């Protein structure tokens, strides 16, 4: 037997959920489950992007923080 819970949502959130449904008879449980999976994937990808950004920072600083580029800024 599955356990079920009741959650309280603002009317505006319910309205947004209705608009987000992929088809009219889609349950909120199904919709929220799908949203959670998508959010987890996005969050995982964002962590990867942040990792890449951090490891690229030293090289970008080396490339952009040099005297030749600074000379062009004042031309």
C-alpha atoms as a PDB file:
ATOM      1  CA  UNK A   1       0.000   0.000   0.000  1.00  0.00           C
ATOM      2  CA  UNK A   2       1.352   3.440  -0.928  1.00  0.00           C
ATOM      3  CA  UNK A   3       1.488   6.133   1.645  1.00  0.00           C
ATOM      4  CA  UNK A   4      -0.118   9.419   0.705  1.00  0.00           C
ATOM      5  CA  UNK A   5       0.406  12.859   2.175  1.00  0.00           C
ATOM      6  CA  UNK A   6      -1.471  16.119   2.018  1.00  0.00           C
ATOM      7  CA  UNK A   7       0.377  19.360   1.318  1.00  0.00           C
ATOM      8  CA  UNK A   8      -0.920  22.913   1.375  1.00  0.00           C
ATOM      9  CA  UNK A   9      -0.299  25.043  -1.689  1.00  0.00           C
ATOM     10  CA  UNK A  10      -1.150  28.628  -2.479  1.00  0.00           C
ATOM     11  CA  UNK A  11      -3.868  29.072  -5.108  1.00  0.00           C
ATOM     12  CA  UNK A  12      -1.310  30.764  -7.393  1.00  0.00           C
ATOM     13  CA  UNK A  13       0.913  27.658  -7.259  1.00  0.00           C
ATOM     14  CA  UNK A  14      -2.036  25.423  -8.101  1.00  0.00           C
ATOM     15  CA  UNK A  15      -2.803  27.679 -11.070  1.00  0.00           C
ATOM     16  CA  UNK A  16       0.820  27.363 -12.263  1.00  0.00           C
ATOM     17  CA  UNK A  17       0.697  23.585 -11.869  1.00  0.00           C
ATOM     18  CA  UNK A  18      -2.477  23.425 -13.955  1.00  0.00           C
ATOM     19  CA  UNK A  19      -0.756  25.422 -16.702  1.00  0.00           C
ATOM     20  CA  UNK A  20       2.329  23.176 -16.544  1.00  0.00           C
ATOM     21  CA  UNK A  21       0.423  19.952 -17.138  1.00  0.00           C
ATOM     22  CA  UNK A  22       1.467  18.095 -20.283  1.00  0.00           C
ATOM     23  CA  UNK A  23      -2.037  16.754 -20.778  1.00  0.00           C
ATOM     24  CA  UNK A  24      -5.352  17.560 -19.042  1.00  0.00           C
ATOM     25  CA  UNK A  25      -5.697  14.370 -16.987  1.00  0.00           C
ATOM     26  CA  UNK A  26      -2.105  14.376 -15.718  1.00  0.00           C
ATOM     27  CA  UNK A  27      -2.097  14.097 -11.928  1.00  0.00           C
ATOM     28  CA  UNK A  28      -0.276  16.619  -9.770  1.00  0.00           C
ATOM     29  CA  UNK A  29       1.697  13.732  -8.299  1.00  0.00           C
ATOM     30  CA  UNK A  30       2.934  12.725 -11.761  1.00  0.00           C
ATOM     31  CA  UNK A  31       3.644  16.327 -12.722  1.00  0.00           C
ATOM     32  CA  UNK A  32       5.576  17.115  -9.539  1.00  0.00           C
ATOM     33  CA  UNK A  33       7.551  13.881  -9.802  1.00  0.00           C
ATOM     34  CA  UNK A  34       8.597  14.809 -13.355  1.00  0.00           C
ATOM     35  CA  UNK A  35       9.483  18.349 -12.258  1.00  0.00           C
ATOM     36  CA  UNK A  36      11.663  16.983  -9.447  1.00  0.00           C
ATOM     37  CA  UNK A  37      13.575  14.758 -11.875  1.00  0.00           C
ATOM     38  CA  UNK A  38      14.118  17.644 -14.293  1.00  0.00           C
ATOM     39  CA  UNK A  39      15.221  19.946 -11.469  1.00  0.00           C
ATOM     40  CA  UNK A  40      17.722  17.350 -10.208  1.00  0.00           C
ATOM     41  CA  UNK A  41      19.212  17.024 -13.720  1.00  0.00           C
ATOM     42  CA  UNK A  42      19.481  20.788 -14.125  1.00  0.00           C
ATOM     43  CA  UNK A  43      21.083  21.111 -10.711  1.00  0.00           C
ATOM     44  CA  UNK A  44      23.599  18.384 -11.591  1.00  0.00           C
ATOM     45  CA  UNK A  45      24.458  20.062 -14.900  1.00  0.00           C
ATOM     46  CA  UNK A  46      24.820  23.422 -13.169  1.00  0.00           C
ATOM     47  CA  UNK A  47      27.310  21.916 -10.714  1.00  0.00           C
ATOM     48  CA  UNK A  48      29.331  20.619 -13.665  1.00  0.00           C
ATOM     49  CA  UNK A  49      29.241  24.058 -15.304  1.00  0.00           C
ATOM     50  CA  UNK A  50      30.384  25.698 -12.068  1.00  0.00           C
ATOM     51  CA  UNK A  51      33.232  23.178 -11.819  1.00  0.00           C
ATOM     52  CA  UNK A  52      34.361  23.978 -15.373  1.00  0.00           C
ATOM     53  CA  UNK A  53      34.143  27.681 -14.682  1.00  0.00           C
ATOM     54  CA  UNK A  54      36.316  27.379 -11.570  1.00  0.00           C
ATOM     55  CA  UNK A  55      39.040  25.373 -13.280  1.00  0.00           C
ATOM     56  CA  UNK A  56      39.072  27.798 -16.230  1.00  0.00           C
ATOM     57  CA  UNK A  57      39.397  30.931 -14.088  1.00  0.00           C
ATOM     58  CA  UNK A  58      43.194  30.814 -13.567  1.00  0.00           C
ATOM     59  CA  UNK A  59      43.859  30.398 -17.300  1.00  0.00           C
ATOM     60  CA  UNK A  60      41.410  33.155 -18.218  1.00  0.00           C
ATOM     61  CA  UNK A  61      43.047  35.469 -15.687  1.00  0.00           C
ATOM     62  CA  UNK A  62      46.434  34.656 -17.233  1.00  0.00           C
ATOM     63  CA  UNK A  63      45.131  35.379 -20.744  1.00  0.00           C
ATOM     64  CA  UNK A  64      43.238  38.574 -19.985  1.00  0.00           C
ATOM     65  CA  UNK A  65      45.278  40.197 -17.234  1.00  0.00           C
ATOM     66  CA  UNK A  66      48.334  41.252 -19.202  1.00  0.00           C
ATOM     67  CA  UNK A  67      50.011  44.512 -20.145  1.00  0.00           C
ATOM     68  CA  UNK A  68      49.280  44.221 -23.875  1.00  0.00           C
ATOM     69  CA  UNK A  69      45.521  44.136 -23.319  1.00  0.00           C
ATOM     70  CA  UNK A  70      45.661  46.976 -20.818  1.00  0.00           C
ATOM     71  CA  UNK A  71      47.467  49.151 -23.381  1.00  0.00           C
ATOM     72  CA  UNK A  72      44.582  48.697 -25.847  1.00  0.00           C
ATOM     73  CA  UNK A  73      42.038  49.877 -23.273  1.00  0.00           C
ATOM     74  CA  UNK A  74      43.538  53.369 -23.283  1.00  0.00           C
ATOM     75  CA  UNK A  75      43.861  53.837 -27.057  1.00  0.00           C
END
